[in-house]
PDB file of N, CA and C in Angstrom:
ATOM      1  N   UNK A   1      20.278 -37.804  -3.888  1.00  0.00           N
ATOM      2  CA  UNK A   1      21.660 -36.862  -3.826  1.00  0.00           C
ATOM      3  C   UNK A   1      22.892 -37.536  -2.908  1.00  0.00           C
ATOM      4  N   UNK A   2      23.609 -36.804  -3.151  1.00  0.00           N
ATOM      5  CA  UNK A   2      24.482 -36.917  -2.553  1.00  0.00           C
ATOM      6  C   UNK A   2      24.917 -37.318  -0.507  1.00  0.00           C
ATOM      7  N   UNK A   3      25.648 -38.423  -0.397  1.00  0.00           N
ATOM      8  CA  UNK A   3      26.032 -38.209   0.630  1.00  0.00           C
ATOM      9  C   UNK A   3      27.023 -37.230   1.369  1.00  0.00           C
ATOM     10  N   UNK A   4      27.390 -36.289   0.888  1.00  0.00           N
ATOM     11  CA  UNK A   4      28.563 -35.273   1.466  1.00  0.00           C
ATOM     12  C   UNK A   4      27.626 -33.912   1.766  1.00  0.00           C
ATOM     13  N   UNK A   5      26.563 -33.739   2.039  1.00  0.00           N
ATOM     14  CA  UNK A   5      26.078 -32.932   2.766  1.00  0.00           C
ATOM     15  C   UNK A   5      25.620 -32.900   4.309  1.00  0.00           C
ATOM     16  N   UNK A   6      26.438 -31.847   5.016  1.00  0.00           N
ATOM     17  CA  UNK A   6      26.370 -31.836   6.610  1.00  0.00           C
ATOM     18  C   UNK A   6      24.596 -31.522   6.588  1.00  0.00           C
ATOM     19  N   UNK A   7      23.743 -31.988   7.764  1.00  0.00           N
ATOM     20  CA  UNK A   7      22.408 -32.233   8.075  1.00  0.00           C
ATOM     21  C   UNK A   7      22.973 -30.944   8.901  1.00  0.00           C
ATOM     22  N   UNK A   8      22.171 -29.450   9.224  1.00  0.00           N
ATOM     23  CA  UNK A   8      21.647 -28.518   9.697  1.00  0.00           C
ATOM     24  C   UNK A   8      20.669 -27.844  10.039  1.00  0.00           C
ATOM     25  N   UNK A   9      20.165 -27.111  11.234  1.00  0.00           N
ATOM     26  CA  UNK A   9      18.876 -26.698  11.345  1.00  0.00           C
ATOM     27  C   UNK A   9      18.748 -25.845  11.224  1.00  0.00           C
ATOM     28  N   UNK A  10      17.350 -25.394  10.740  1.00  0.00           N
ATOM     29  CA  UNK A  10      16.504 -24.575   9.875  1.00  0.00           C
ATOM     30  C   UNK A  10      17.412 -22.871  10.427  1.00  0.00           C
ATOM     31  N   UNK A  11      17.526 -23.227  12.132  1.00  0.00           N
ATOM     32  CA  UNK A  11      17.651 -21.974  12.725  1.00  0.00           C
ATOM     33  C   UNK A  11      19.416 -21.401  12.920  1.00  0.00           C
ATOM     34  N   UNK A  12      19.853 -22.186  12.636  1.00  0.00           N
ATOM     35  CA  UNK A  12      21.472 -21.656  12.567  1.00  0.00           C
ATOM     36  C   UNK A  12      21.498 -21.512  10.904  1.00  0.00           C
ATOM     37  N   UNK A  13      20.415 -21.075   9.908  1.00  0.00           N
ATOM     38  CA  UNK A  13      20.523 -20.392   8.683  1.00  0.00           C
ATOM     39  C   UNK A  13      21.440 -19.056   8.391  1.00  0.00           C
ATOM     40  N   UNK A  14      20.705 -18.589   9.856  1.00  0.00           N
ATOM     41  CA  UNK A  14      20.735 -16.923   9.546  1.00  0.00           C
ATOM     42  C   UNK A  14      22.000 -16.958   9.902  1.00  0.00           C
ATOM     43  N   UNK A  15      23.618 -18.084  10.782  1.00  0.00           N
ATOM     44  CA  UNK A  15      24.376 -17.393  10.669  1.00  0.00           C
ATOM     45  C   UNK A  15      25.614 -17.644   9.571  1.00  0.00           C
ATOM     46  N   UNK A  16      25.056 -18.534   8.584  1.00  0.00           N
ATOM     47  CA  UNK A  16      25.663 -18.874   7.791  1.00  0.00           C
ATOM     48  C   UNK A  16      26.005 -17.587   6.834  1.00  0.00           C
ATOM     49  N   UNK A  17      27.258 -17.709   6.096  1.00  0.00           N
ATOM     50  CA  UNK A  17      27.339 -16.641   4.869  1.00  0.00           C
ATOM     51  C   UNK A  17      26.888 -17.135   3.253  1.00  0.00           C
ATOM     52  N   UNK A  18      26.561 -16.519   2.378  1.00  0.00           N
ATOM     53  CA  UNK A  18      26.312 -16.852   0.842  1.00  0.00           C
ATOM     54  C   UNK A  18      27.171 -15.814  -0.030  1.00  0.00           C
ATOM     55  N   UNK A  19      28.026 -17.011  -0.936  1.00  0.00           N
ATOM     56  CA  UNK A  19      28.706 -16.034  -2.058  1.00  0.00           C
ATOM     57  C   UNK A  19      27.652 -15.631  -3.306  1.00  0.00           C
ATOM     58  N   UNK A  20      27.990 -15.060  -3.602  1.00  0.00           N
ATOM     59  CA  UNK A  20      27.004 -14.316  -4.958  1.00  0.00           C
ATOM     60  C   UNK A  20      27.076 -15.348  -5.679  1.00  0.00           C
ATOM     61  N   UNK A  21      27.877 -16.339  -6.332  1.00  0.00           N
ATOM     62  CA  UNK A  21      28.184 -16.919  -7.310  1.00  0.00           C
ATOM     63  C   UNK A  21      26.933 -18.348  -7.419  1.00  0.00           C
ATOM     64  N   UNK A  22      26.319 -19.120  -8.478  1.00  0.00           N
ATOM     65  CA  UNK A  22      25.831 -19.955  -8.128  1.00  0.00           C
ATOM     66  C   UNK A  22      26.463 -21.190  -8.460  1.00  0.00           C
ATOM     67  N   UNK A  23      25.629 -22.315  -7.506  1.00  0.00           N
ATOM     68  CA  UNK A  23      26.104 -23.739  -7.476  1.00  0.00           C
ATOM     69  C   UNK A  23      25.886 -23.855  -9.152  1.00  0.00           C
ATOM     70  N   UNK A  24      24.578 -23.979  -9.476  1.00  0.00           N
ATOM     71  CA  UNK A  24      24.275 -24.418 -10.702  1.00  0.00           C
ATOM     72  C   UNK A  24      25.192 -23.590 -11.833  1.00  0.00           C
ATOM     73  N   UNK A  25      25.244 -24.777 -13.085  1.00  0.00           N
ATOM     74  CA  UNK A  25      26.256 -23.927 -13.881  1.00  0.00           C
ATOM     75  C   UNK A  25      25.040 -24.169 -15.398  1.00  0.00           C
ATOM     76  N   UNK A  26      24.480 -25.479 -15.254  1.00  0.00           N
ATOM     77  CA  UNK A  26      23.422 -25.505 -16.810  1.00  0.00           C
ATOM     78  C   UNK A  26      22.243 -24.835 -16.602  1.00  0.00           C
ATOM     79  N   UNK A  27      21.947 -24.358 -17.761  1.00  0.00           N
ATOM     80  CA  UNK A  27      20.630 -24.173 -18.063  1.00  0.00           C
ATOM     81  C   UNK A  27      19.023 -25.016 -17.407  1.00  0.00           C
ATOM     82  N   UNK A  28      19.325 -26.193 -18.143  1.00  0.00           N
ATOM     83  CA  UNK A  28      18.330 -27.036 -17.207  1.00  0.00           C
ATOM     84  C   UNK A  28      18.258 -27.640 -15.867  1.00  0.00           C
ATOM     85  N   UNK A  29      19.502 -27.621 -15.442  1.00  0.00           N
ATOM     86  CA  UNK A  29      19.629 -27.999 -13.956  1.00  0.00           C
ATOM     87  C   UNK A  29      18.642 -26.695 -13.131  1.00  0.00           C
ATOM     88  N   UNK A  30      19.090 -25.656 -13.481  1.00  0.00           N
ATOM     89  CA  UNK A  30      18.472 -24.193 -12.667  1.00  0.00           C
ATOM     90  C   UNK A  30      17.128 -24.703 -13.279  1.00  0.00           C
ATOM     91  N   UNK A  31      16.738 -24.714 -14.256  1.00  0.00           N
ATOM     92  CA  UNK A  31      14.895 -24.791 -14.656  1.00  0.00           C
ATOM     93  C   UNK A  31      14.483 -25.633 -13.645  1.00  0.00           C
ATOM     94  N   UNK A  32      15.398 -26.765 -13.329  1.00  0.00           N
ATOM     95  CA  UNK A  32      14.543 -28.027 -12.788  1.00  0.00           C
ATOM     96  C   UNK A  32      14.687 -27.674 -11.333  1.00  0.00           C
ATOM     97  N   UNK A  33      15.386 -26.736 -11.044  1.00  0.00           N
ATOM     98  CA  UNK A  33      15.695 -26.430  -9.591  1.00  0.00           C
ATOM     99  C   UNK A  33      14.229 -25.483  -8.733  1.00  0.00           C
ATOM    100  N   UNK A  34      14.433 -24.869  -9.829  1.00  0.00           N
ATOM    101  CA  UNK A  34      12.998 -23.422  -9.865  1.00  0.00           C
ATOM    102  C   UNK A  34      11.324 -24.177  -9.837  1.00  0.00           C
ATOM    103  N   UNK A  35      11.543 -25.320 -10.752  1.00  0.00           N
ATOM    104  CA  UNK A  35      10.095 -26.276 -10.680  1.00  0.00           C
ATOM    105  C   UNK A  35      10.178 -27.267  -9.164  1.00  0.00           C
ATOM    106  N   UNK A  36      11.313 -27.345  -8.746  1.00  0.00           N
ATOM    107  CA  UNK A  36      11.676 -27.798  -7.464  1.00  0.00           C
ATOM    108  C   UNK A  36      10.895 -27.181  -6.487  1.00  0.00           C
ATOM    109  N   UNK A  37      11.477 -25.701  -6.658  1.00  0.00           N
ATOM    110  CA  UNK A  37      10.977 -24.935  -5.449  1.00  0.00           C
ATOM    111  C   UNK A  37       9.708 -24.429  -5.632  1.00  0.00           C
ATOM    112  N   UNK A  38       9.305 -24.558  -6.786  1.00  0.00           N
ATOM    113  CA  UNK A  38       7.843 -24.461  -6.605  1.00  0.00           C
ATOM    114  C   UNK A  38       6.759 -25.154  -6.032  1.00  0.00           C
ATOM    115  N   UNK A  39       7.365 -26.664  -6.650  1.00  0.00           N
ATOM    116  CA  UNK A  39       6.336 -27.765  -6.149  1.00  0.00           C
ATOM    117  C   UNK A  39       6.881 -27.900  -4.377  1.00  0.00           C
ATOM    118  N   UNK A  40       8.079 -27.405  -4.204  1.00  0.00           N
ATOM    119  CA  UNK A  40       8.292 -27.242  -2.674  1.00  0.00           C
ATOM    120  C   UNK A  40       7.182 -25.950  -1.930  1.00  0.00           C
ATOM    121  N   UNK A  41       7.065 -25.046  -2.250  1.00  0.00           N
ATOM    122  CA  UNK A  41       6.350 -24.166  -2.286  1.00  0.00           C
ATOM    123  C   UNK A  41       4.984 -24.656  -1.949  1.00  0.00           C
ATOM    124  N   UNK A  42       4.177 -25.042  -3.023  1.00  0.00           N
ATOM    125  CA  UNK A  42       2.637 -25.847  -2.820  1.00  0.00           C
ATOM    126  C   UNK A  42       2.560 -26.613  -1.717  1.00  0.00           C
ATOM    127  N   UNK A  43       3.414 -27.551  -1.909  1.00  0.00           N
ATOM    128  CA  UNK A  43       3.366 -28.560  -0.831  1.00  0.00           C
ATOM    129  C   UNK A  43       3.716 -28.108   0.536  1.00  0.00           C
ATOM    130  N   UNK A  44       4.478 -27.050   0.813  1.00  0.00           N
ATOM    131  CA  UNK A  44       5.197 -26.288   2.252  1.00  0.00           C
ATOM    132  C   UNK A  44       3.161 -25.481   2.452  1.00  0.00           C
ATOM    133  N   UNK A  45       2.492 -24.882   1.520  1.00  0.00           N
ATOM    134  CA  UNK A  45       1.414 -24.040   1.653  1.00  0.00           C
ATOM    135  C   UNK A  45       0.080 -24.587   1.822  1.00  0.00           C
ATOM    136  N   UNK A  46       0.211 -25.728   1.341  1.00  0.00           N
ATOM    137  CA  UNK A  46      -1.094 -26.701   1.125  1.00  0.00           C
ATOM    138  C   UNK A  46      -1.202 -27.995   1.739  1.00  0.00           C
ATOM    139  N   UNK A  47      -0.217 -28.382   2.054  1.00  0.00           N
ATOM    140  CA  UNK A  47       0.305 -29.882   2.711  1.00  0.00           C
ATOM    141  C   UNK A  47       0.897 -29.566   4.618  1.00  0.00           C
ATOM    142  N   UNK A  48       1.524 -28.745   4.301  1.00  0.00           N
ATOM    143  CA  UNK A  48       2.417 -28.140   5.560  1.00  0.00           C
ATOM    144  C   UNK A  48       3.460 -29.259   5.683  1.00  0.00           C
ATOM    145  N   UNK A  49       3.903 -30.071   4.098  1.00  0.00           N
ATOM    146  CA  UNK A  49       5.481 -31.044   4.350  1.00  0.00           C
ATOM    147  C   UNK A  49       6.286 -30.216   4.266  1.00  0.00           C
ATOM    148  N   UNK A  50       7.371 -31.366   4.826  1.00  0.00           N
ATOM    149  CA  UNK A  50       8.733 -30.912   4.752  1.00  0.00           C
ATOM    150  C   UNK A  50       9.544 -31.143   3.833  1.00  0.00           C
ATOM    151  N   UNK A  51      10.426 -30.469   2.969  1.00  0.00           N
ATOM    152  CA  UNK A  51      10.981 -31.544   2.070  1.00  0.00           C
ATOM    153  C   UNK A  51      12.583 -30.938   2.708  1.00  0.00           C
ATOM    154  N   UNK A  52      13.275 -31.683   2.117  1.00  0.00           N
ATOM    155  CA  UNK A  52      15.121 -31.159   2.213  1.00  0.00           C
ATOM    156  C   UNK A  52      15.348 -30.405   1.331  1.00  0.00           C
ATOM    157  N   UNK A  53      16.515 -29.505   1.682  1.00  0.00           N
ATOM    158  CA  UNK A  53      16.626 -28.405   0.685  1.00  0.00           C
ATOM    159  C   UNK A  53      17.793 -28.752   0.782  1.00  0.00           C
ATOM    160  N   UNK A  54      19.148 -28.576  -0.503  1.00  0.00           N
ATOM    161  CA  UNK A  54      20.327 -29.130  -0.572  1.00  0.00           C
ATOM    162  C   UNK A  54      21.208 -28.144  -0.805  1.00  0.00           C
ATOM    163  N   UNK A  55      22.173 -27.328  -0.641  1.00  0.00           N
ATOM    164  CA  UNK A  55      22.368 -26.031  -0.101  1.00  0.00           C
ATOM    165  C   UNK A  55      23.691 -25.886  -0.273  1.00  0.00           C
ATOM    166  N   UNK A  56      24.856 -24.927  -0.400  1.00  0.00           N
ATOM    167  CA  UNK A  56      26.115 -24.997  -0.006  1.00  0.00           C
ATOM    168  C   UNK A  56      26.148 -22.976   0.281  1.00  0.00           C
ATOM    169  N   UNK A  57      26.794 -23.156   1.184  1.00  0.00           N
ATOM    170  CA  UNK A  57      27.133 -22.059   1.848  1.00  0.00           C
ATOM    171  C   UNK A  57      28.816 -21.799   1.549  1.00  0.00           C
ATOM    172  N   UNK A  58      29.646 -20.327   2.303  1.00  0.00           N
ATOM    173  CA  UNK A  58      30.655 -20.627   1.518  1.00  0.00           C
ATOM    174  C   UNK A  58      31.938 -20.995   2.301  1.00  0.00           C
ATOM    175  N   UNK A  59      31.196 -22.036   3.439  1.00  0.00           N
ATOM    176  CA  UNK A  59      32.181 -23.362   3.866  1.00  0.00           C
ATOM    177  C   UNK A  59      32.336 -24.724   3.417  1.00  0.00           C
ATOM    178  N   UNK A  60      30.431 -25.544   3.387  1.00  0.00           N
ATOM    179  CA  UNK A  60      30.559 -26.201   2.792  1.00  0.00           C
ATOM    180  C   UNK A  60      29.024 -26.273   2.180  1.00  0.00           C
ATOM    181  N   UNK A  61      28.556 -28.159   1.983  1.00  0.00           N
ATOM    182  CA  UNK A  61      27.656 -28.503   1.402  1.00  0.00           C
ATOM    183  C   UNK A  61      26.648 -28.890   2.461  1.00  0.00           C
ATOM    184  N   UNK A  62      25.370 -28.550   2.629  1.00  0.00           N
ATOM    185  CA  UNK A  62      24.487 -28.338   3.681  1.00  0.00           C
ATOM    186  C   UNK A  62      23.194 -28.845   2.740  1.00  0.00           C
ATOM    187  N   UNK A  63      22.800 -29.867   3.964  1.00  0.00           N
ATOM    188  CA  UNK A  63      20.759 -30.260   3.482  1.00  0.00           C
ATOM    189  C   UNK A  63      19.905 -29.421   4.686  1.00  0.00           C
ATOM    190  N   UNK A  64      18.809 -29.200   4.977  1.00  0.00           N
ATOM    191  CA  UNK A  64      17.998 -29.207   5.707  1.00  0.00           C
ATOM    192  C   UNK A  64      16.823 -29.339   5.494  1.00  0.00           C
ATOM    193  N   UNK A  65      16.098 -29.962   6.718  1.00  0.00           N
ATOM    194  CA  UNK A  65      14.518 -30.567   6.163  1.00  0.00           C
ATOM    195  C   UNK A  65      13.489 -29.479   7.117  1.00  0.00           C
ATOM    196  N   UNK A  66      12.740 -28.537   6.257  1.00  0.00           N
ATOM    197  CA  UNK A  66      12.007 -27.614   6.517  1.00  0.00           C
ATOM    198  C   UNK A  66      10.558 -27.908   5.469  1.00  0.00           C
ATOM    199  N   UNK A  67       9.547 -26.589   5.898  1.00  0.00           N
ATOM    200  CA  UNK A  67       8.524 -26.265   5.083  1.00  0.00           C
ATOM    201  C   UNK A  67       8.675 -24.597   4.626  1.00  0.00           C
ATOM    202  N   UNK A  68       8.651 -25.013   3.194  1.00  0.00           N
ATOM    203  CA  UNK A  68       8.931 -23.627   2.321  1.00  0.00           C
ATOM    204  C   UNK A  68       7.485 -22.699   2.582  1.00  0.00           C
ATOM    205  N   UNK A  69       8.079 -21.516   2.737  1.00  0.00           N
ATOM    206  CA  UNK A  69       6.727 -20.861   2.774  1.00  0.00           C
ATOM    207  C   UNK A  69       6.455 -19.576   1.374  1.00  0.00           C
ATOM    208  N   UNK A  70       7.598 -19.141   1.536  1.00  0.00           N
ATOM    209  CA  UNK A  70       7.837 -18.434  -0.105  1.00  0.00           C
ATOM    210  C   UNK A  70       8.615 -19.082  -0.848  1.00  0.00           C
ATOM    211  N   UNK A  71       8.348 -17.970  -2.121  1.00  0.00           N
ATOM    212  CA  UNK A  71      10.047 -18.110  -3.141  1.00  0.00           C
ATOM    213  C   UNK A  71       9.757 -17.121  -3.956  1.00  0.00           C
ATOM    214  N   UNK A  72      10.844 -16.520  -4.099  1.00  0.00           N
ATOM    215  CA  UNK A  72      10.975 -14.900  -4.666  1.00  0.00           C
ATOM    216  C   UNK A  72      11.975 -14.873  -5.724  1.00  0.00           C
ATOM    217  N   UNK A  73      12.262 -14.253  -6.181  1.00  0.00           N
ATOM    218  CA  UNK A  73      13.027 -14.020  -7.127  1.00  0.00           C
ATOM    219  C   UNK A  73      14.458 -14.327  -6.994  1.00  0.00           C
ATOM    220  N   UNK A  74      14.513 -14.176  -6.095  1.00  0.00           N
ATOM    221  CA  UNK A  74      16.453 -14.281  -5.249  1.00  0.00           C
ATOM    222  C   UNK A  74      16.449 -15.311  -3.984  1.00  0.00           C
ATOM    223  N   UNK A  75      15.406 -15.441  -3.479  1.00  0.00           N
ATOM    224  CA  UNK A  75      15.232 -15.865  -1.949  1.00  0.00           C
ATOM    225  C   UNK A  75      14.122 -16.937  -1.859  1.00  0.00           C
ATOM    226  N   UNK A  76      14.557 -18.574  -1.004  1.00  0.00           N
ATOM    227  CA  UNK A  76      13.199 -19.272  -0.396  1.00  0.00           C
ATOM    228  C   UNK A  76      12.870 -18.971   0.827  1.00  0.00           C
ATOM    229  N   UNK A  77      11.857 -18.808   1.611  1.00  0.00           N
ATOM    230  CA  UNK A  77      11.595 -17.734   2.696  1.00  0.00           C
ATOM    231  C   UNK A  77      11.241 -19.346   2.877  1.00  0.00           C
ATOM    232  N   UNK A  78      11.873 -19.276   4.143  1.00  0.00           N
ATOM    233  CA  UNK A  78      11.196 -20.992   4.811  1.00  0.00           C
ATOM    234  C   UNK A  78      10.464 -20.532   6.302  1.00  0.00           C
ATOM    235  N   UNK A  79      10.116 -21.698   6.773  1.00  0.00           N
ATOM    236  CA  UNK A  79       9.397 -21.092   8.321  1.00  0.00           C
ATOM    237  C   UNK A  79      10.062 -20.402   9.177  1.00  0.00           C
ATOM    238  N   UNK A  80       9.524 -19.591   9.973  1.00  0.00           N
ATOM    239  CA  UNK A  80      10.069 -18.538  10.960  1.00  0.00           C
ATOM    240  C   UNK A  80      10.899 -17.767  10.212  1.00  0.00           C
ATOM    241  N   UNK A  81      10.636 -17.003   9.115  1.00  0.00           N
ATOM    242  CA  UNK A  81      11.234 -16.324   8.341  1.00  0.00           C
ATOM    243  C   UNK A  81      12.691 -16.485   7.774  1.00  0.00           C
ATOM    244  N   UNK A  82      13.383 -17.625   8.297  1.00  0.00           N
ATOM    245  CA  UNK A  82      14.366 -17.754   7.402  1.00  0.00           C
ATOM    246  C   UNK A  82      14.783 -18.045   6.134  1.00  0.00           C
ATOM    247  N   UNK A  83      15.854 -17.592   5.641  1.00  0.00           N
ATOM    248  CA  UNK A  83      15.886 -17.912   4.215  1.00  0.00           C
ATOM    249  C   UNK A  83      17.408 -18.163   3.248  1.00  0.00           C
ATOM    250  N   UNK A  84      17.244 -19.041   2.064  1.00  0.00           N
ATOM    251  CA  UNK A  84      18.142 -19.736   1.786  1.00  0.00           C
ATOM    252  C   UNK A  84      18.313 -18.685   0.014  1.00  0.00           C
ATOM    253  N   UNK A  85      19.337 -18.066  -0.452  1.00  0.00           N
ATOM    254  CA  UNK A  85      19.636 -17.149  -1.976  1.00  0.00           C
ATOM    255  C   UNK A  85      19.606 -19.125  -2.818  1.00  0.00           C
ATOM    256  N   UNK A  86      18.769 -18.542  -4.009  1.00  0.00           N
ATOM    257  CA  UNK A  86      18.300 -19.282  -4.628  1.00  0.00           C
ATOM    258  C   UNK A  86      19.323 -20.191  -5.302  1.00  0.00           C
ATOM    259  N   UNK A  87      20.429 -18.804  -5.704  1.00  0.00           N
ATOM    260  CA  UNK A  87      21.537 -19.272  -6.543  1.00  0.00           C
ATOM    261  C   UNK A  87      22.694 -20.384  -6.206  1.00  0.00           C
ATOM    262  N   UNK A  88      22.431 -20.720  -4.506  1.00  0.00           N
ATOM    263  CA  UNK A  88      22.835 -21.354  -3.394  1.00  0.00           C
ATOM    264  C   UNK A  88      22.723 -22.726  -3.392  1.00  0.00           C
ATOM    265  N   UNK A  89      20.885 -22.963  -4.413  1.00  0.00           N
ATOM    266  CA  UNK A  89      20.556 -24.501  -3.979  1.00  0.00           C
ATOM    267  C   UNK A  89      20.259 -25.258  -5.103  1.00  0.00           C
ATOM    268  N   UNK A  90      21.271 -26.785  -4.770  1.00  0.00           N
ATOM    269  CA  UNK A  90      21.256 -27.539  -5.897  1.00  0.00           C
ATOM    270  C   UNK A  90      20.455 -28.288  -6.055  1.00  0.00           C
ATOM    271  N   UNK A  91      19.201 -28.317  -5.098  1.00  0.00           N
ATOM    272  CA  UNK A  91      17.968 -29.745  -5.532  1.00  0.00           C
ATOM    273  C   UNK A  91      16.957 -29.374  -4.014  1.00  0.00           C
ATOM    274  N   UNK A  92      15.967 -29.273  -4.074  1.00  0.00           N
ATOM    275  CA  UNK A  92      14.898 -29.831  -3.090  1.00  0.00           C
ATOM    276  C   UNK A  92      14.017 -30.869  -3.010  1.00  0.00           C
ATOM    277  N   UNK A  93      14.393 -31.935  -2.442  1.00  0.00           N
ATOM    278  CA  UNK A  93      13.046 -33.204  -2.584  1.00  0.00           C
ATOM    279  C   UNK A  93      11.858 -33.656  -1.712  1.00  0.00           C
TER     280      UNK A  93
END
């Protein structure tokens, strides 16, 4: 992934504001994002593995390294109840 993503701690996610628009336009990219998030969910629940989530708030592009505990239709739920809207996520590794 590109290097222009600012690293952020998951505890600071609550203070971010997220626009409603999707950061991805391509249908295949959105499908890949969904697959990556489901994989991250499995890794988080089965192996307690951390992954990197590349996303964008209303200010800039950011990356967080954390464990995914849940995925809903609209949100990714992280450890300790923090969440990121799926439509603001570029990629997860």
